[in-house]
Amino acid sequence: MGKKKSSSAFTYDIYCGQCQTVRFRYAKGSSGGLLRCFIGNITVAPDLELWRTYKSKADFPNLNCSKCGHLMAVPMVYKDGRLAFRMLNGGFGRKKVKG
């Protein structure tokens, strides 16, 4: 008998690495490091509706903290064509949300 697989969906609050202001909530589909945040998996954000209107990387701005302006991530296009933020080491923090 093998190990029982559990659901591997996690929800995180993503916050600024400098001033700890929460920027958005992200539903991560697997365990492991947070290298990129796909726009389709962001569940709560003040700019979410605007982000979902962008069709290319050229239209997409960098992700800066809304309070202090610290650079948290840069836009990217994943190999399957989905838009995402490439998260910068030290630019952000994450906290698992219960529930």
Foldseek 3Di string as FASTA:
>chain_A
DDDDDDFAWFKKFKAFLPPRHGAFIFIDRHDDDCFKGFLVRTDDGPCSVVVVVDQDLVVDAFDAHPPPRQGFFHWDAPPVGTIITGGDVSGIDIDTDDD
